[in-house]
N, C-alpha and C. Protein backbone atom coordinates (compact mmCIF):
# COMPACT_ATOMS: atom_id res chain seq x y z
N MET A 1 9.02 20.53 76.11
CA MET A 1 7.98 21.15 77.74
C MET A 1 7.74 20.28 78.04
N THR A 2 7.41 20.56 79.14
CA THR A 2 7.02 19.28 80.37
C THR A 2 5.45 18.94 79.69
N ASP A 3 4.38 18.18 80.87
CA ASP A 3 3.33 18.11 80.57
C ASP A 3 2.76 19.26 81.21
N HIS A 4 3.34 19.91 82.19
CA HIS A 4 2.12 21.09 82.84
C HIS A 4 2.55 22.09 82.11
N GLY A 5 3.17 22.42 80.73
CA GLY A 5 3.41 23.78 79.88
C GLY A 5 5.12 24.64 80.31
N GLN A 6 5.53 23.76 81.06
CA GLN A 6 7.10 24.30 81.62
C GLN A 6 8.06 23.81 80.51
N ILE A 7 9.23 25.01 80.03
CA ILE A 7 9.88 24.40 79.06
C ILE A 7 11.12 23.92 80.10
N GLU A 8 10.97 22.93 79.71
CA GLU A 8 12.59 22.44 79.80
C GLU A 8 13.71 22.99 79.65
N PRO A 9 14.85 22.89 81.05
CA PRO A 9 15.80 23.30 80.08
C PRO A 9 16.62 22.53 79.12
N ALA A 10 17.81 23.11 78.32
CA ALA A 10 18.31 22.45 77.09
C ALA A 10 19.83 21.56 77.95
N PRO A 11 19.41 20.14 77.44
CA PRO A 11 20.16 19.60 78.24
C PRO A 11 22.01 20.19 77.77
N GLU A 12 22.89 20.54 78.79
CA GLU A 12 24.19 20.90 78.88
C GLU A 12 24.98 19.94 78.05
N GLU A 13 25.52 20.21 76.67
CA GLU A 13 26.51 19.35 75.75
C GLU A 13 28.12 19.38 76.34
N PRO A 14 28.64 18.22 76.64
CA PRO A 14 29.61 18.33 77.50
C PRO A 14 30.79 19.39 76.58
N ALA A 15 30.86 19.03 75.13
CA ALA A 15 31.58 19.71 74.17
C ALA A 15 31.58 21.58 74.58
N ASP A 16 30.44 21.66 74.83
CA ASP A 16 30.38 23.39 74.60
C ASP A 16 30.41 23.91 76.25
N SER A 17 31.05 22.99 76.82
CA SER A 17 31.26 23.87 78.64
C SER A 17 32.80 23.85 78.70
N ILE A 18 33.20 24.75 78.71
CA ILE A 18 34.37 25.18 78.49
C ILE A 18 35.32 25.03 80.24
N ASP A 19 34.44 25.06 81.44
CA ASP A 19 34.63 24.84 82.61
C ASP A 19 34.78 23.67 82.84
N LEU A 20 33.54 22.83 82.63
CA LEU A 20 33.65 21.50 82.79
C LEU A 20 34.96 20.65 81.82
N ILE A 21 35.40 21.06 80.82
CA ILE A 21 36.30 20.48 80.42
C ILE A 21 37.46 20.53 81.10
N ALA A 22 37.67 21.89 81.42
CA ALA A 22 39.27 21.93 82.04
C ALA A 22 39.24 21.34 83.18
N ALA A 23 38.03 21.23 84.05
CA ALA A 23 38.02 20.43 85.17
C ALA A 23 38.27 19.13 84.85
N ALA A 24 37.49 18.28 83.91
CA ALA A 24 38.09 17.38 83.49
C ALA A 24 39.67 17.33 82.96
N LEU A 25 40.10 18.48 82.27
CA LEU A 25 41.26 17.93 81.94
C LEU A 25 42.38 18.21 83.48
N ARG A 26 42.26 18.96 84.46
CA ARG A 26 42.73 19.29 85.66
C ARG A 26 42.49 18.05 86.41
N ARG A 27 41.52 16.99 86.35
CA ARG A 27 41.22 15.98 87.35
C ARG A 27 42.65 14.94 87.56
N ASP A 28 43.46 15.02 87.34
CA ASP A 28 44.78 14.41 87.25
C ASP A 28 45.81 14.96 87.61
N ALA A 29 45.78 16.33 88.05
CA ALA A 29 46.74 17.19 87.94
C ALA A 29 47.47 17.27 88.84
N SER A 30 46.96 16.64 90.55
CA SER A 30 48.35 16.49 91.45
C SER A 30 48.94 15.65 91.07
N ASP A 31 49.18 15.08 90.65
CA ASP A 31 50.12 13.86 90.11
C ASP A 31 50.64 14.61 88.14
N LEU A 32 51.64 15.02 88.32
CA LEU A 32 51.85 15.75 86.83
C LEU A 32 52.61 14.83 85.92
N GLU A 33 53.20 13.91 85.97
CA GLU A 33 53.28 12.84 85.13
C GLU A 33 52.08 11.99 84.85
N VAL A 34 51.25 11.65 85.61
CA VAL A 34 49.66 10.72 85.25
C VAL A 34 48.84 11.85 84.41
N TYR A 35 48.56 13.38 85.08
CA TYR A 35 48.13 14.67 84.38
C TYR A 35 48.87 14.57 82.92
N ALA A 36 50.39 14.82 82.74
CA ALA A 36 50.81 15.04 81.28
C ALA A 36 50.40 13.42 80.57
N GLN A 37 50.41 12.28 80.70
CA GLN A 37 49.90 11.29 80.10
C GLN A 37 48.51 11.33 79.59
N VAL A 38 47.47 12.14 81.05
CA VAL A 38 46.11 11.92 80.38
C VAL A 38 45.92 13.02 79.11
N LEU A 39 46.79 14.36 79.44
CA LEU A 39 46.46 15.19 78.88
C LEU A 39 47.23 14.70 77.15
N THR A 40 48.28 14.31 77.11
CA THR A 40 48.56 13.92 76.03
C THR A 40 47.91 12.28 75.34
N GLY A 41 47.17 11.26 75.81
CA GLY A 41 46.18 10.41 75.38
C GLY A 41 44.99 11.64 74.87
N SER A 42 44.39 11.99 75.44
CA SER A 42 43.40 12.93 74.79
C SER A 42 43.29 14.13 74.21
N LEU A 43 44.55 14.38 73.91
CA LEU A 43 44.57 15.30 73.07
C LEU A 43 44.96 14.55 71.29
N ALA A 44 45.81 13.63 71.68
CA ALA A 44 45.87 12.68 70.25
C ALA A 44 44.78 12.25 69.89
N GLU A 45 43.64 12.21 70.65
CA GLU A 45 42.38 11.63 70.20
C GLU A 45 41.59 13.25 69.31
N ALA A 46 41.84 14.04 70.30
CA ALA A 46 40.78 15.39 69.98
C ALA A 46 41.23 16.17 69.03
N LEU A 47 43.06 15.85 68.77
CA LEU A 47 43.66 16.84 67.60
C LEU A 47 44.42 16.27 66.31
N PRO A 48 44.36 17.09 65.48
CA PRO A 48 45.42 16.30 64.26
C PRO A 48 46.87 15.66 64.65
N THR A 49 47.56 14.61 64.12
CA THR A 49 47.93 14.19 64.82
C THR A 49 49.77 15.33 64.95
N ASP A 50 49.67 16.10 63.70
CA ASP A 50 50.52 17.36 63.90
C ASP A 50 50.67 18.50 64.51
N ALA A 51 49.20 18.58 65.64
CA ALA A 51 49.08 19.11 66.31
C ALA A 51 49.74 19.56 67.74
N VAL A 52 49.83 18.01 67.93
CA VAL A 52 50.32 17.48 69.12
C VAL A 52 51.88 17.16 69.10
N ALA A 53 52.88 17.85 69.96
CA ALA A 53 54.17 17.47 69.97
C ALA A 53 54.44 17.21 71.96
N VAL A 54 55.21 15.78 71.62
CA VAL A 54 55.44 14.99 72.89
C VAL A 54 57.06 15.11 72.54
N GLU A 55 57.93 15.60 74.29
CA GLU A 55 59.24 15.12 74.46
C GLU A 55 59.12 14.47 75.60
N ARG A 56 59.80 13.21 75.94
CA ARG A 56 60.34 12.49 76.51
C ARG A 56 61.40 11.91 77.04
N LYS A 57 61.76 11.76 78.36
CA LYS A 57 63.36 11.46 78.81
C LYS A 57 62.94 10.21 79.14
N ARG A 58 64.23 9.16 78.31
CA ARG A 58 64.20 8.12 78.99
C ARG A 58 65.13 7.65 79.63
N SER A 59 65.15 7.19 80.76
CA SER A 59 66.35 6.62 81.51
C SER A 59 66.27 5.41 80.68
N MET A 60 67.90 4.46 81.30
CA MET A 60 68.41 3.76 80.87
C MET A 60 67.08 2.19 80.80
N ALA A 61 66.75 2.35 82.27
CA ALA A 61 65.48 1.26 82.36
C ALA A 61 64.65 1.50 81.69
N ASP A 62 64.40 2.90 81.53
CA ASP A 62 62.86 3.00 80.42
C ASP A 62 63.42 2.27 78.96
N ARG A 63 64.68 2.40 78.16
CA ARG A 63 65.16 2.00 77.25
C ARG A 63 65.14 0.20 77.48
N VAL A 64 65.78 0.04 78.30
CA VAL A 64 66.11 -1.63 78.45
C VAL A 64 64.33 -2.27 78.54
N SER A 65 63.89 -1.44 79.00
CA SER A 65 62.21 -2.44 79.22
C SER A 65 61.16 -1.80 78.30
N GLY A 66 61.85 -1.00 77.34
CA GLY A 66 60.93 -0.73 75.94
C GLY A 66 60.02 0.30 76.56
N ARG A 67 59.92 0.93 77.40
CA ARG A 67 59.16 1.99 78.28
C ARG A 67 59.37 3.15 77.53
N PRO A 68 58.01 3.84 77.10
CA PRO A 68 58.07 5.25 76.49
C PRO A 68 59.48 6.43 76.73
N GLY A 69 59.02 6.70 78.42
CA GLY A 69 60.02 7.47 79.27
C GLY A 69 58.70 8.42 79.92
N ARG A 70 59.60 9.55 80.38
CA ARG A 70 58.57 10.12 81.00
C ARG A 70 58.70 11.77 80.44
N ILE A 71 57.42 12.07 80.44
CA ILE A 71 56.76 13.33 79.76
C ILE A 71 57.67 14.66 80.18
N GLU A 72 58.86 15.05 79.39
CA GLU A 72 59.40 16.84 79.66
C GLU A 72 58.13 17.90 79.22
N LYS A 73 57.95 17.40 77.89
CA LYS A 73 57.34 18.32 77.64
C LYS A 73 56.20 18.32 76.65
N LEU A 74 55.48 18.93 76.63
CA LEU A 74 53.69 19.12 75.92
C LEU A 74 53.49 20.37 75.24
N GLU A 75 53.36 20.10 73.65
CA GLU A 75 53.26 21.67 73.04
C GLU A 75 52.14 21.62 72.35
N VAL A 76 50.95 22.20 72.24
CA VAL A 76 50.01 21.91 71.34
C VAL A 76 49.73 23.23 70.70
N ASP A 77 49.41 23.20 69.15
CA ASP A 77 49.99 24.13 68.12
C ASP A 77 48.24 24.11 67.70
N MET A 78 47.91 25.10 68.35
CA MET A 78 46.46 25.76 67.90
C MET A 78 46.12 26.64 67.11
N ASP A 79 46.24 27.10 65.49
CA ASP A 79 46.42 27.95 64.42
C ASP A 79 47.83 29.07 64.97
N GLU A 80 47.14 29.79 65.46
CA GLU A 80 47.99 30.99 65.89
C GLU A 80 48.61 31.29 66.57
N ARG A 81 48.40 29.98 67.91
CA ARG A 81 48.41 30.09 69.26
C ARG A 81 49.21 28.75 69.59
N ARG A 82 50.47 28.67 70.69
CA ARG A 82 51.20 27.42 70.92
C ARG A 82 50.98 27.47 72.74
N LEU A 83 50.60 26.27 73.13
CA LEU A 83 50.41 25.66 74.34
C LEU A 83 51.55 25.11 74.52
N ILE A 84 52.40 25.47 75.46
CA ILE A 84 52.96 24.45 75.88
C ILE A 84 53.62 24.35 77.55
N LEU A 85 53.37 23.13 77.76
CA LEU A 85 53.72 22.69 79.40
C LEU A 85 55.12 21.80 79.98
N SER A 86 55.91 22.42 80.20
CA SER A 86 57.11 21.62 80.56
C SER A 86 56.53 21.39 82.28
N LEU A 87 57.45 19.59 82.32
CA LEU A 87 57.93 19.83 83.98
C LEU A 87 59.01 19.52 84.16
N THR A 88 59.30 20.70 84.90
CA THR A 88 61.40 21.13 85.14
C THR A 88 60.73 20.57 86.42
N HIS A 89 61.79 19.51 87.46
CA HIS A 89 62.00 19.49 88.35
C HIS A 89 60.82 19.26 89.30
N GLY A 90 59.97 18.53 88.71
CA GLY A 90 59.05 18.26 88.96
C GLY A 90 57.63 19.11 89.51
N ARG A 91 57.66 20.48 88.75
CA ARG A 91 56.96 21.85 88.62
C ARG A 91 56.54 21.77 87.07
N PRO A 92 55.24 22.12 87.01
CA PRO A 92 54.66 22.51 85.75
C PRO A 92 55.06 24.19 84.69
N VAL A 93 55.41 24.12 84.23
CA VAL A 93 55.92 25.42 83.51
C VAL A 93 54.87 25.39 82.52
N CYS A 94 54.04 26.85 82.59
CA CYS A 94 53.14 26.65 81.78
C CYS A 94 53.13 28.26 80.45
N GLU A 95 52.90 28.00 79.10
CA GLU A 95 53.38 29.13 78.40
C GLU A 95 52.55 28.99 77.37
N ILE A 96 52.12 30.23 76.96
CA ILE A 96 51.00 30.61 75.83
C ILE A 96 51.70 31.51 75.11
N CYS A 97 52.12 30.84 73.58
CA CYS A 97 52.96 31.73 72.80
C CYS A 97 51.95 32.31 71.80
N THR A 98 52.26 33.12 70.79
CA THR A 98 51.15 33.70 69.73
C THR A 98 52.52 33.41 68.87
N VAL A 99 52.17 32.63 67.72
CA VAL A 99 53.30 32.14 67.00
C VAL A 99 52.01 32.40 65.15
N VAL A 100 53.05 33.40 64.52
CA VAL A 100 52.61 33.46 63.13
C VAL A 100 53.89 32.98 62.11
N ARG A 101 53.29 32.33 61.52
CA ARG A 101 54.11 31.50 60.29
C ARG A 101 55.07 30.24 60.30
N GLY A 102 54.95 30.09 61.72
CA GLY A 102 55.67 29.08 62.63
C GLY A 102 57.05 30.34 63.71
N VAL A 103 56.97 31.73 63.50
CA VAL A 103 57.61 32.14 64.43
C VAL A 103 57.20 32.94 65.64
N VAL A 104 57.58 32.42 66.55
CA VAL A 104 57.04 32.62 67.88
C VAL A 104 57.36 34.29 68.21
N LEU A 105 55.97 35.11 67.79
CA LEU A 105 56.21 36.95 68.28
C LEU A 105 55.80 36.86 69.59
N SER A 106 55.23 35.93 70.74
CA SER A 106 55.28 36.67 71.89
C SER A 106 55.28 35.18 72.81
N ARG A 107 55.65 34.93 74.07
CA ARG A 107 55.52 34.00 75.12
C ARG A 107 55.29 34.25 76.21
N LYS A 108 53.99 33.89 76.89
CA LYS A 108 53.48 34.81 78.01
C LYS A 108 53.52 32.99 79.11
N SER A 109 54.37 33.16 80.34
CA SER A 109 53.97 32.59 81.31
C SER A 109 52.38 32.82 82.19
N ILE A 110 52.20 31.45 82.46
CA ILE A 110 50.95 31.51 83.09
C ILE A 110 50.54 30.35 84.09
N PRO A 111 49.94 30.41 84.86
CA PRO A 111 49.76 29.06 86.00
C PRO A 111 48.54 27.86 85.39
N LEU A 112 49.28 26.87 85.90
CA LEU A 112 48.49 25.46 85.18
C LEU A 112 47.20 25.96 85.11
N ASP A 113 46.11 26.52 86.00
CA ASP A 113 44.75 26.34 86.09
C ASP A 113 44.40 27.31 84.74
N GLU A 114 44.98 28.40 84.80
CA GLU A 114 44.82 29.18 83.09
C GLU A 114 45.48 28.62 81.94
N TRP A 115 46.33 27.77 82.13
CA TRP A 115 46.75 26.97 80.94
C TRP A 115 46.03 26.25 80.47
N THR A 116 44.65 25.42 81.21
CA THR A 116 44.32 24.40 81.65
C THR A 116 43.54 24.99 81.12
N ARG A 117 42.67 26.04 81.44
CA ARG A 117 41.10 26.84 80.47
C ARG A 117 41.31 26.88 79.56
N GLU A 118 42.78 28.03 78.93
CA GLU A 118 43.08 28.04 77.33
C GLU A 118 42.83 26.98 76.32
N LEU A 119 43.43 25.74 76.74
CA LEU A 119 43.63 24.00 76.10
C LEU A 119 42.33 24.09 76.11
N ALA A 120 41.35 24.29 77.25
CA ALA A 120 40.23 23.41 76.79
C ALA A 120 39.17 24.33 75.89
N ALA A 121 39.55 25.76 75.88
CA ALA A 121 38.85 26.61 75.17
C ALA A 121 39.08 26.61 74.08
N ALA A 122 40.29 26.05 73.60
CA ALA A 122 40.75 26.21 72.09
C ALA A 122 40.36 24.61 71.67
N VAL A 123 40.39 23.15 72.54
CA VAL A 123 39.48 22.25 72.21
C VAL A 123 37.93 22.00 72.19
N THR A 124 37.37 22.99 72.94
CA THR A 124 36.13 22.95 72.49
C THR A 124 35.90 23.92 71.10
N ALA A 125 36.62 24.67 71.11
CA ALA A 125 36.84 24.99 69.63
C ALA A 125 36.75 24.89 68.31
N ARG A 126 37.72 23.71 68.32
CA ARG A 126 37.83 22.37 67.27
C ARG A 126 36.74 21.94 67.41
N ALA A 127 36.26 21.29 68.92
CA ALA A 127 35.67 19.93 68.97
C ALA A 127 33.92 20.62 68.36
N LYS A 128 33.76 21.65 68.10
CA LYS A 128 32.26 22.54 67.53
C LYS A 128 32.63 21.89 65.65
N SER A 129 33.65 21.74 64.94
CA SER A 129 33.05 21.29 64.00
C SER A 129 34.08 20.04 63.28
N ASP A 130 34.78 19.67 64.39
CA ASP A 130 35.01 18.12 64.33
C ASP A 130 34.27 16.40 64.94
N ALA A 131 33.86 16.26 64.44
CA ALA A 131 33.50 15.21 65.16
C ALA A 131 34.07 14.25 65.97
N LYS A 132 35.35 13.74 65.61
CA LYS A 132 36.44 13.11 66.13
C LYS A 132 36.90 13.69 67.50
N ALA A 133 37.01 15.37 67.74
CA ALA A 133 37.49 15.73 68.54
C ALA A 133 36.50 15.83 69.66
N ARG A 134 35.05 15.85 69.38
CA ARG A 134 34.15 15.77 70.19
C ARG A 134 33.30 14.62 70.60
N ALA A 135 33.63 13.20 70.02
CA ALA A 135 34.00 12.31 70.55
C ALA A 135 34.47 11.91 71.72
N ALA A 136 36.30 12.26 71.30
CA ALA A 136 37.12 12.27 72.43
C ALA A 136 36.97 12.95 73.34
N LEU A 137 36.52 14.24 73.31
CA LEU A 137 36.08 15.19 74.63
C LEU A 137 35.05 14.73 75.20
N GLU A 138 33.71 13.89 74.55
CA GLU A 138 33.28 13.30 75.36
C GLU A 138 33.47 11.91 76.70
N ARG A 139 34.23 11.13 75.76
CA ARG A 139 35.18 10.03 76.74
C ARG A 139 36.20 11.16 77.98
N LEU A 140 36.90 11.94 77.55
CA LEU A 140 37.57 12.67 78.64
C LEU A 140 36.35 13.18 79.80
N MET A 141 35.10 13.82 78.84
CA MET A 141 34.38 13.95 80.64
C MET A 141 33.85 13.31 81.19
N LEU A 142 33.68 12.02 80.54
CA LEU A 142 33.15 10.76 81.29
C LEU A 142 34.04 10.20 82.52
N GLY A 143 35.89 10.01 81.52
CA GLY A 143 36.70 10.02 82.57
C GLY A 143 37.09 8.48 82.10
N GLY A 144 36.62 8.13 80.65
CA GLY A 144 36.78 6.55 79.75
C GLY A 144 37.82 6.96 79.27
């Protein structure tokens, strides 16, 4: 309450706002390579190591210079859902799969904005019960 007897609005927690998280995840979407790198780093911090898989393509120059290469595919396993982002000919191809015991039962192609929102919802749900995921999302929201 304020000094005048009014109730102050509760401060918004970054990990509780799917729209804010989706916006933070989309922040670098204009450059898909940067977007994939940001997602990979953010997700690696927020999720268990076996939940995020990255496929890269390494050119000869990448190999010679010791660079990891360009990200081609990002898969995020969230219980019975698998979110897949592929970069094909410079364009995003996004899918959501329903997975039961490692078998893909259904696969749906969706636009990048919808994929990002699904990812934000899944990571937000995880952050509600995982302090490490919550801290990683807060860093993402602040741009750090």
